[in-house]
Amino acid sequence: MLNATDETLRAYEQRADRYFDASAPAVSAEVAGLLDAVVARLRPGSHVLEVGTGPGREAAYLEERGLHVDRTDATAAFVERLRANGHDARLLDVRDGNLGGPYDAVLANAVLLHLDRAQARLAVEACRQAVRPGGLFALTLKDGDGESWSDAKLGAPRWFVYWREEALRAQLSDAGWRVLDLRHVPDRTEPWLHALCER
């Protein structure tokens, strides 16, 4: 029996083309601010692992600013689309634990929100193991309480877990991350949390 995360991945697999078409053509100003903070702390040529690359907007943004990005996604259809567009990309599920490395940073934009809290704890720990000492972890999650299903954007159900700042800080700290910045970010439809951490 599939769990909620597997059901969400199946929705992405089935509606990959629709997701790519419905995605914004550029990185939002809010996410760009988080990415700029990553760029500012890394040297040109630094190696970033992006889990959940999706259409690849954030990867392109970082590469345009001199970083090397390892594009990965747990959705095979996304990886195939990225490759068809000329990018190196590989299948990687953050739940598997071994993310490789060491990287200079890990980016998880709107990815861990599809994991339950126990899965998220393990993923946060895996991301820490994937970076060098002093390496970075940038992530975004939906700000709120509880969990819910939504068929917005895809017309197929996706599961979301919401986080509050205190719980996220505790999760990150327990995994050995030092939180450099954690802010509440408004969005067109709902608020988000953006965090930048250091190992």
Protein backbone atom coordinates (compact mmCIF):
# COMPACT_ATOMS: atom_id res chain seq x y z
CA MET A 1 0.00 0.00 0.00
CA LEU A 2 1.35 3.42 -0.96
CA ASN A 3 1.84 6.01 1.76
CA ALA A 4 1.01 9.69 1.35
CA THR A 5 4.47 10.58 0.03
CA ASP A 6 4.36 7.77 -2.52
CA GLU A 7 0.88 8.90 -3.62
CA THR A 8 2.25 12.41 -4.10
CA LEU A 9 5.16 11.14 -6.18
CA ARG A 10 2.70 9.17 -8.29
CA ALA A 11 0.73 12.37 -8.92
CA TYR A 12 3.91 14.08 -10.10
CA GLU A 13 4.76 11.12 -12.34
CA GLN A 14 1.31 11.12 -13.92
CA ARG A 15 1.11 14.89 -14.37
CA ALA A 16 4.74 15.82 -15.00
CA ASP A 17 4.03 17.72 -18.21
CA ARG A 18 1.19 19.62 -16.59
CA TYR A 19 3.42 20.52 -13.63
CA PHE A 20 6.18 21.83 -15.89
CA ASP A 21 3.65 23.85 -17.88
CA ALA A 22 1.96 25.26 -14.75
CA SER A 23 5.21 26.23 -13.02
CA ALA A 24 6.30 29.84 -12.96
CA PRO A 25 8.86 30.64 -15.68
CA ALA A 26 11.28 32.27 -13.23
CA VAL A 27 12.42 31.96 -9.64
CA SER A 28 10.24 34.04 -7.34
CA ALA A 29 11.80 37.05 -5.65
CA GLU A 30 11.40 35.37 -2.27
CA VAL A 31 13.18 32.15 -3.29
CA ALA A 32 15.80 34.22 -5.14
CA GLY A 33 16.59 35.90 -1.83
CA LEU A 34 17.32 32.52 -0.24
CA LEU A 35 19.41 31.41 -3.22
CA ASP A 36 21.36 34.66 -3.16
CA ALA A 37 22.20 34.01 0.49
CA VAL A 38 23.60 30.61 -0.51
CA VAL A 39 25.64 32.13 -3.35
CA ALA A 40 27.04 34.80 -1.03
CA ARG A 41 28.45 32.17 1.32
CA LEU A 42 30.01 29.92 -1.31
CA ARG A 43 32.96 30.28 -3.65
CA PRO A 44 32.45 30.17 -7.42
CA GLY A 45 32.46 26.57 -8.60
CA SER A 46 31.08 25.21 -5.32
CA HIS A 47 29.04 22.03 -5.66
CA VAL A 48 25.37 22.08 -4.67
CA LEU A 49 23.08 19.06 -4.41
CA GLU A 50 19.49 19.97 -5.26
CA VAL A 51 16.93 17.43 -4.08
CA GLY A 52 13.62 17.79 -5.85
CA THR A 53 14.86 19.79 -8.82
CA GLY A 54 11.52 19.69 -10.61
CA PRO A 55 11.59 22.01 -13.65
CA GLY A 56 15.11 23.19 -12.72
CA ARG A 57 14.57 26.94 -12.28
CA GLU A 58 16.54 27.15 -9.05
CA ALA A 59 19.38 25.05 -10.45
CA ALA A 60 19.66 27.37 -13.44
CA TYR A 61 19.62 30.40 -11.15
CA LEU A 62 22.53 29.04 -9.09
CA GLU A 63 24.51 27.99 -12.16
CA GLU A 64 24.14 31.45 -13.68
CA ARG A 65 25.86 32.72 -10.53
CA GLY A 66 28.83 30.40 -10.80
CA LEU A 67 27.85 27.32 -8.83
CA HIS A 68 27.74 23.71 -10.02
CA VAL A 69 24.39 22.01 -9.32
CA ASP A 70 23.74 18.27 -9.14
CA ARG A 71 20.11 18.07 -10.33
CA THR A 72 18.13 15.21 -8.74
CA ASP A 73 14.48 14.31 -8.27
CA ALA A 74 12.46 11.39 -6.95
CA THR A 75 10.12 11.68 -9.94
CA ALA A 76 11.47 9.77 -12.94
CA ALA A 77 9.39 11.82 -15.36
CA PHE A 78 11.04 15.01 -14.09
CA VAL A 79 14.52 13.51 -14.49
CA GLU A 80 13.67 12.42 -18.05
CA ARG A 81 12.38 15.92 -18.88
CA LEU A 82 15.53 17.55 -17.46
CA ARG A 83 17.73 15.21 -19.49
CA ALA A 84 15.68 15.91 -22.62
CA ASN A 85 16.39 19.60 -22.03
CA GLY A 86 20.13 18.90 -22.02
CA HIS A 87 20.83 18.71 -18.29
CA ASP A 88 22.61 16.03 -16.31
CA ALA A 89 20.05 14.74 -13.82
CA ARG A 90 19.60 11.63 -11.76
CA LEU A 91 16.90 9.88 -9.78
CA LEU A 92 17.26 10.42 -6.03
CA ASP A 93 14.72 10.03 -3.23
CA VAL A 94 15.74 11.99 -0.14
CA ARG A 95 14.05 9.29 1.97
CA ASP A 96 16.72 6.78 0.93
CA GLY A 97 19.18 8.40 3.31
CA ASN A 98 22.45 8.23 1.37
CA LEU A 99 22.66 11.41 -0.70
CA GLY A 100 26.35 11.13 -1.59
CA GLY A 101 28.74 14.03 -1.20
CA PRO A 102 30.36 15.76 0.39
CA TYR A 103 28.72 18.81 -1.18
CA ASP A 104 29.21 22.45 -0.33
CA ALA A 105 25.46 22.88 0.04
CA VAL A 106 22.14 21.07 -0.25
CA LEU A 107 19.00 22.79 -1.54
CA ALA A 108 15.51 21.43 -0.83
CA ASN A 109 12.98 23.95 -2.13
CA ALA A 110 9.38 22.84 -1.51
CA VAL A 111 10.45 19.20 -1.13
CA LEU A 112 10.43 18.14 2.52
CA LEU A 113 6.84 19.37 2.83
CA HIS A 114 5.76 16.11 1.19
CA LEU A 115 7.31 14.04 4.01
CA ASP A 116 5.76 13.18 7.34
CA ARG A 117 7.60 14.54 10.37
CA ALA A 118 9.55 11.34 11.03
CA GLN A 119 10.63 11.15 7.38
CA ALA A 120 11.55 14.83 7.46
CA ARG A 121 13.75 14.29 10.51
CA LEU A 122 15.67 11.55 8.73
CA ALA A 123 15.94 13.64 5.56
CA VAL A 124 17.32 16.62 7.47
CA GLU A 125 19.92 14.33 9.02
CA ALA A 126 20.79 12.86 5.62
CA CYS A 127 21.25 16.34 4.19
CA ARG A 128 23.68 17.13 7.01
CA GLN A 129 25.68 14.00 6.25
CA ALA A 130 25.85 15.03 2.59
CA VAL A 131 27.65 18.34 3.19
CA ARG A 132 31.20 19.11 4.24
CA PRO A 133 31.86 20.74 7.63
CA GLY A 134 30.78 24.35 7.24
CA GLY A 135 28.47 23.37 4.37
CA LEU A 136 25.02 24.85 3.91
CA PHE A 137 21.44 23.61 3.85
CA ALA A 138 18.72 25.79 2.32
CA LEU A 139 15.09 24.69 2.51
CA THR A 140 11.56 25.96 2.21
CA LEU A 141 8.39 24.61 3.82
CA LYS A 142 4.78 25.72 4.09
CA ASP A 143 4.06 27.68 7.27
CA GLY A 144 1.10 26.36 9.23
CA ASP A 145 -0.35 23.49 11.25
CA GLY A 146 -1.22 19.90 10.41
CA GLU A 147 -1.32 18.14 7.05
CA SER A 148 -3.63 18.28 4.04
CA TRP A 149 -4.23 16.98 0.54
CA SER A 150 -4.52 19.35 -2.41
CA ASP A 151 -5.16 18.84 -6.11
CA ALA A 152 -4.25 22.44 -6.97
CA LYS A 153 -1.92 22.95 -9.96
CA LEU A 154 -1.90 19.26 -10.96
CA GLY A 155 -5.52 18.16 -10.72
CA ALA A 156 -4.19 15.15 -8.81
CA PRO A 157 -3.79 14.78 -5.04
CA ARG A 158 -0.57 15.87 -3.38
CA TRP A 159 0.04 15.67 0.37
CA PHE A 160 1.49 18.61 2.29
CA VAL A 161 2.84 18.84 5.82
CA TYR A 162 2.88 22.28 7.42
CA TRP A 163 5.50 23.53 9.86
CA ARG A 164 5.76 26.21 12.52
CA GLU A 165 9.01 28.04 13.18
CA GLU A 166 9.60 26.58 16.65
CA ALA A 167 9.17 22.99 15.47
CA LEU A 168 11.39 23.55 12.44
CA ARG A 169 14.13 25.15 14.52
CA ALA A 170 14.03 22.18 16.91
CA GLN A 171 14.15 19.69 14.01
CA LEU A 172 17.16 21.41 12.46
CA SER A 173 18.99 21.83 15.74
CA ASP A 174 18.41 18.21 16.75
CA ALA A 175 19.98 17.13 13.46
CA GLY A 176 23.11 19.18 14.16
CA TRP A 177 22.41 22.20 11.95
CA ARG A 178 23.14 25.76 13.05
CA VAL A 179 20.30 27.97 11.85
CA LEU A 180 21.75 31.07 10.20
CA ASP A 181 18.43 32.51 9.08
CA LEU A 182 14.82 31.41 9.36
CA ARG A 183 12.12 33.73 8.14
CA HIS A 184 8.41 33.86 7.44
CA VAL A 185 7.79 34.56 3.75
CA PRO A 186 4.43 35.64 2.33
CA ASP A 187 3.20 34.14 -0.92
CA ARG A 188 0.26 34.71 -3.24
CA THR A 189 -1.76 31.90 -1.64
CA GLU A 190 -0.15 30.90 1.66
CA PRO A 191 2.85 31.68 3.90
CA TRP A 192 6.17 29.84 3.81
CA LEU A 193 9.22 29.31 6.01
CA HIS A 194 12.66 29.78 4.43
CA ALA A 195 15.69 28.51 6.33
CA LEU A 196 19.42 28.68 5.76
CA CYS A 197 21.61 26.47 7.95
CA GLU A 198 25.26 25.60 8.38
CA ARG A 199 26.85 22.34 9.38
